[in-house]
Amino acid sequence: QVQMVESGGGSVQAGGSLTLSCAASGYTFKRKSQSYCLGWFRQAPGKEREGVATIDTEGATSFAGSVQGRFTVSLDNAKNTLYLQMNSLKPEDTAMYYCAADTVWVGYPCGPEGLKDNAGYWGQGTQVTVSS
């Protein structure tokens, strides 16, 4: 059973930075022998969950337009941990952030829309609040 646990959320002023972590257990992310699509999503009160960033087995990344140039996504295979580095935060980035994984990635581009429909595992979320 794959479990994903987020951490690193908190409150920050606009313009600040946060790094979210997502530690995975029950599955080891190894390149060249597996096929996976991992990513981050967020959901603000009263809004639908939206994709933020994804990363695939080869390290290719994809970002939502609203965070392009401000957020980066990375995977530390040694620590089996997914990260989301968020810079130049804005009040509209306030949301609950979730990590997700598709560990049998096949048949779709690894991006926020595809992963949202195909992720088999989700974390419980970590809150990010950005004040103006």
C-alpha atoms as a PDB file:
ATOM      1  CA  GLN A   1       0.000   0.000   0.000  1.00  0.00           C
ATOM      2  CA  VAL A   2       1.462   3.328  -1.087  1.00  0.00           C
ATOM      3  CA  GLN A   3       1.198   6.160   1.399  1.00  0.00           C
ATOM      4  CA  MET A   4       2.118   9.772   0.737  1.00  0.00           C
ATOM      5  CA  VAL A   5       2.520  12.287   3.534  1.00  0.00           C
ATOM      6  CA  GLU A   6       2.876  16.022   2.896  1.00  0.00           C
ATOM      7  CA  SER A   7       4.611  18.491   5.170  1.00  0.00           C
ATOM      8  CA  GLY A   8       6.025  21.983   5.025  1.00  0.00           C
ATOM      9  CA  GLY A   9       2.880  24.048   4.794  1.00  0.00           C
ATOM     10  CA  GLY A  10       2.385  27.173   6.837  1.00  0.00           C
ATOM     11  CA  SER A  11       1.669  30.861   6.789  1.00  0.00           C
ATOM     12  CA  VAL A  12       3.825  33.321   4.881  1.00  0.00           C
ATOM     13  CA  GLN A  13       3.591  36.875   3.646  1.00  0.00           C
ATOM     14  CA  ALA A  14       3.216  37.672  -0.008  1.00  0.00           C
ATOM     15  CA  GLY A  15       6.538  37.481  -1.783  1.00  0.00           C
ATOM     16  CA  GLY A  16       7.810  34.797   0.555  1.00  0.00           C
ATOM     17  CA  SER A  17       8.784  31.201  -0.081  1.00  0.00           C
ATOM     18  CA  LEU A  18       7.851  27.758   1.175  1.00  0.00           C
ATOM     19  CA  THR A  19       9.011  24.248   0.341  1.00  0.00           C
ATOM     20  CA  LEU A  20       6.520  21.424   0.553  1.00  0.00           C
ATOM     21  CA  SER A  21       7.633  17.820   0.943  1.00  0.00           C
ATOM     22  CA  CYS A  22       5.794  14.602   0.161  1.00  0.00           C
ATOM     23  CA  ALA A  23       7.339  11.474   1.613  1.00  0.00           C
ATOM     24  CA  ALA A  24       6.272   8.225  -0.033  1.00  0.00           C
ATOM     25  CA  SER A  25       6.257   4.801   1.548  1.00  0.00           C
ATOM     26  CA  GLY A  26       5.255   1.424   0.174  1.00  0.00           C
ATOM     27  CA  TYR A  27       6.776   2.236  -3.212  1.00  0.00           C
ATOM     28  CA  THR A  28      10.285   3.186  -4.259  1.00  0.00           C
ATOM     29  CA  PHE A  29      10.686   5.667  -7.091  1.00  0.00           C
ATOM     30  CA  LYS A  30      13.488   4.418  -9.311  1.00  0.00           C
ATOM     31  CA  ARG A  31      14.244   5.671 -12.750  1.00  0.00           C
ATOM     32  CA  LYS A  32      14.750   3.339 -15.704  1.00  0.00           C
ATOM     33  CA  SER A  33      12.905   0.441 -14.137  1.00  0.00           C
ATOM     34  CA  GLN A  34       9.563   2.069 -13.477  1.00  0.00           C
ATOM     35  CA  SER A  35       7.066   4.422 -15.021  1.00  0.00           C
ATOM     36  CA  TYR A  36       5.465   7.016 -12.795  1.00  0.00           C
ATOM     37  CA  CYS A  37       3.878  10.420 -12.893  1.00  0.00           C
ATOM     38  CA  LEU A  38       3.923  12.457  -9.692  1.00  0.00           C
ATOM     39  CA  GLY A  39       2.560  15.841  -8.905  1.00  0.00           C
ATOM     40  CA  TRP A  40       1.098  18.533  -6.707  1.00  0.00           C
ATOM     41  CA  PHE A  41      -2.451  19.823  -6.618  1.00  0.00           C
ATOM     42  CA  ARG A  42      -4.198  22.475  -4.585  1.00  0.00           C
ATOM     43  CA  GLN A  43      -7.722  23.286  -3.546  1.00  0.00           C
ATOM     44  CA  ALA A  44      -8.956  26.558  -2.143  1.00  0.00           C
ATOM     45  CA  PRO A  45     -12.250  26.808  -0.243  1.00  0.00           C
ATOM     46  CA  GLY A  46     -15.175  26.775  -2.632  1.00  0.00           C
ATOM     47  CA  LYS A  47     -13.015  25.937  -5.632  1.00  0.00           C
ATOM     48  CA  GLU A  48     -12.206  22.779  -7.536  1.00  0.00           C
ATOM     49  CA  ARG A  49      -8.929  20.972  -7.066  1.00  0.00           C
ATOM     50  CA  GLU A  50      -6.416  22.178  -9.620  1.00  0.00           C
ATOM     51  CA  GLY A  51      -3.125  20.822 -10.803  1.00  0.00           C
ATOM     52  CA  VAL A  52       0.003  22.761  -9.914  1.00  0.00           C
ATOM     53  CA  ALA A  53       3.022  20.790 -11.129  1.00  0.00           C
ATOM     54  CA  THR A  54       4.046  17.308 -12.240  1.00  0.00           C
ATOM     55  CA  ILE A  55       7.234  15.329 -12.792  1.00  0.00           C
ATOM     56  CA  ASP A  56       7.672  12.056 -14.619  1.00  0.00           C
ATOM     57  CA  THR A  57      10.106   9.136 -14.591  1.00  0.00           C
ATOM     58  CA  GLU A  58      12.573  10.985 -16.828  1.00  0.00           C
ATOM     59  CA  GLY A  59      12.450  14.123 -14.733  1.00  0.00           C
ATOM     60  CA  ALA A  60      10.349  16.104 -17.196  1.00  0.00           C
ATOM     61  CA  THR A  61       8.227  18.716 -15.460  1.00  0.00           C
ATOM     62  CA  SER A  62       5.001  20.522 -16.221  1.00  0.00           C
ATOM     63  CA  PHE A  63       3.426  23.517 -14.487  1.00  0.00           C
ATOM     64  CA  ALA A  64       0.138  25.321 -14.381  1.00  0.00           C
ATOM     65  CA  GLY A  65       0.368  28.714 -16.013  1.00  0.00           C
ATOM     66  CA  SER A  66      -0.441  30.476 -12.751  1.00  0.00           C
ATOM     67  CA  VAL A  67       2.727  29.151 -11.085  1.00  0.00           C
ATOM     68  CA  GLN A  68       5.084  28.945 -14.056  1.00  0.00           C
ATOM     69  CA  GLY A  69       8.368  30.618 -13.221  1.00  0.00           C
ATOM     70  CA  ARG A  70       7.608  30.764  -9.478  1.00  0.00           C
ATOM     71  CA  PHE A  71       7.312  27.091  -8.483  1.00  0.00           C
ATOM     72  CA  THR A  72       9.647  24.185  -9.109  1.00  0.00           C
ATOM     73  CA  VAL A  73       9.014  20.473  -8.595  1.00  0.00           C
ATOM     74  CA  SER A  74      11.658  17.874  -7.906  1.00  0.00           C
ATOM     75  CA  LEU A  75      12.067  14.285  -6.768  1.00  0.00           C
ATOM     76  CA  ASP A  76      14.815  13.009  -4.498  1.00  0.00           C
ATOM     77  CA  ASN A  77      14.995   9.337  -5.393  1.00  0.00           C
ATOM     78  CA  ALA A  78      17.356   8.587  -2.512  1.00  0.00           C
ATOM     79  CA  LYS A  79      14.867   9.991  -0.005  1.00  0.00           C
ATOM     80  CA  ASN A  80      11.804   8.853  -1.964  1.00  0.00           C
ATOM     81  CA  THR A  81      10.442  12.345  -1.475  1.00  0.00           C
ATOM     82  CA  LEU A  82       8.712  14.766  -3.818  1.00  0.00           C
ATOM     83  CA  TYR A  83       9.222  18.503  -3.310  1.00  0.00           C
ATOM     84  CA  LEU A  84       7.461  21.678  -4.372  1.00  0.00           C
ATOM     85  CA  GLN A  85       9.542  24.828  -4.032  1.00  0.00           C
ATOM     86  CA  MET A  86       7.257  27.855  -4.042  1.00  0.00           C
ATOM     87  CA  ASN A  87       8.724  31.331  -4.501  1.00  0.00           C
ATOM     88  CA  SER A  88       7.174  34.773  -4.894  1.00  0.00           C
ATOM     89  CA  LEU A  89       4.027  33.540  -3.217  1.00  0.00           C
ATOM     90  CA  LYS A  90       0.789  35.426  -3.750  1.00  0.00           C
ATOM     91  CA  PRO A  91      -2.423  35.502  -1.692  1.00  0.00           C
ATOM     92  CA  GLU A  92      -4.128  33.565  -4.483  1.00  0.00           C
ATOM     93  CA  ASP A  93      -1.752  30.668  -3.829  1.00  0.00           C
ATOM     94  CA  THR A  94      -3.562  30.092  -0.530  1.00  0.00           C
ATOM     95  CA  ALA A  95      -4.972  26.553  -0.570  1.00  0.00           C
ATOM     96  CA  MET A  96      -4.655  23.034   0.742  1.00  0.00           C
ATOM     97  CA  TYR A  97      -1.842  21.379  -1.216  1.00  0.00           C
ATOM     98  CA  TYR A  98      -1.874  17.675  -2.034  1.00  0.00           C
ATOM     99  CA  CYS A  99       0.667  15.378  -3.613  1.00  0.00           C
ATOM    100  CA  ALA A 100      -0.405  12.556  -5.886  1.00  0.00           C
ATOM    101  CA  ALA A 101       1.106   9.622  -7.713  1.00  0.00           C
ATOM    102  CA  ASP A 102       0.338   7.360 -10.632  1.00  0.00           C
ATOM    103  CA  THR A 103       2.743   4.430 -10.244  1.00  0.00           C
ATOM    104  CA  VAL A 104       1.699   2.720 -13.469  1.00  0.00           C
ATOM    105  CA  TRP A 105       1.934   5.766 -15.718  1.00  0.00           C
ATOM    106  CA  VAL A 106       1.092   4.894 -19.313  1.00  0.00           C
ATOM    107  CA  GLY A 107      -0.997   6.304 -22.122  1.00  0.00           C
ATOM    108  CA  TYR A 108      -1.175  10.025 -21.300  1.00  0.00           C
ATOM    109  CA  PRO A 109       1.167  13.007 -21.023  1.00  0.00           C
ATOM    110  CA  CYS A 110       2.333  13.483 -17.451  1.00  0.00           C
ATOM    111  CA  GLY A 111       0.735  16.810 -16.658  1.00  0.00           C
ATOM    112  CA  PRO A 112      -1.734  18.228 -14.151  1.00  0.00           C
ATOM    113  CA  GLU A 113      -4.853  17.253 -16.131  1.00  0.00           C
ATOM    114  CA  GLY A 114      -3.753  13.706 -16.858  1.00  0.00           C
ATOM    115  CA  LEU A 115      -2.515  12.994 -13.374  1.00  0.00           C
ATOM    116  CA  LYS A 116      -5.695  14.349 -11.807  1.00  0.00           C
ATOM    117  CA  ASP A 117      -7.701  11.673 -13.652  1.00  0.00           C
ATOM    118  CA  ASN A 118      -5.226   8.847 -13.152  1.00  0.00           C
ATOM    119  CA  ALA A 119      -3.547   9.272  -9.772  1.00  0.00           C
ATOM    120  CA  GLY A 120      -4.025   6.199  -7.650  1.00  0.00           C
ATOM    121  CA  TYR A 121      -2.569   7.692  -4.497  1.00  0.00           C
ATOM    122  CA  TRP A 122      -3.097  11.000  -2.738  1.00  0.00           C
ATOM    123  CA  GLY A 123      -1.694  12.571   0.383  1.00  0.00           C
ATOM    124  CA  GLN A 124      -3.829  14.093   3.119  1.00  0.00           C
ATOM    125  CA  GLY A 125      -2.835  17.667   2.309  1.00  0.00           C
ATOM    126  CA  THR A 126      -0.907  20.508   3.895  1.00  0.00           C
ATOM    127  CA  GLN A 127      -2.264  24.039   4.262  1.00  0.00           C
ATOM    128  CA  VAL A 128      -0.530  27.028   2.698  1.00  0.00           C
ATOM    129  CA  THR A 129      -1.738  30.495   3.634  1.00  0.00           C
ATOM    130  CA  VAL A 130      -0.304  33.616   1.999  1.00  0.00           C
ATOM    131  CA  SER A 131      -1.183  36.975   3.498  1.00  0.00           C
ATOM    132  CA  SER A 132      -0.985  40.294   1.693  1.00  0.00           C
END
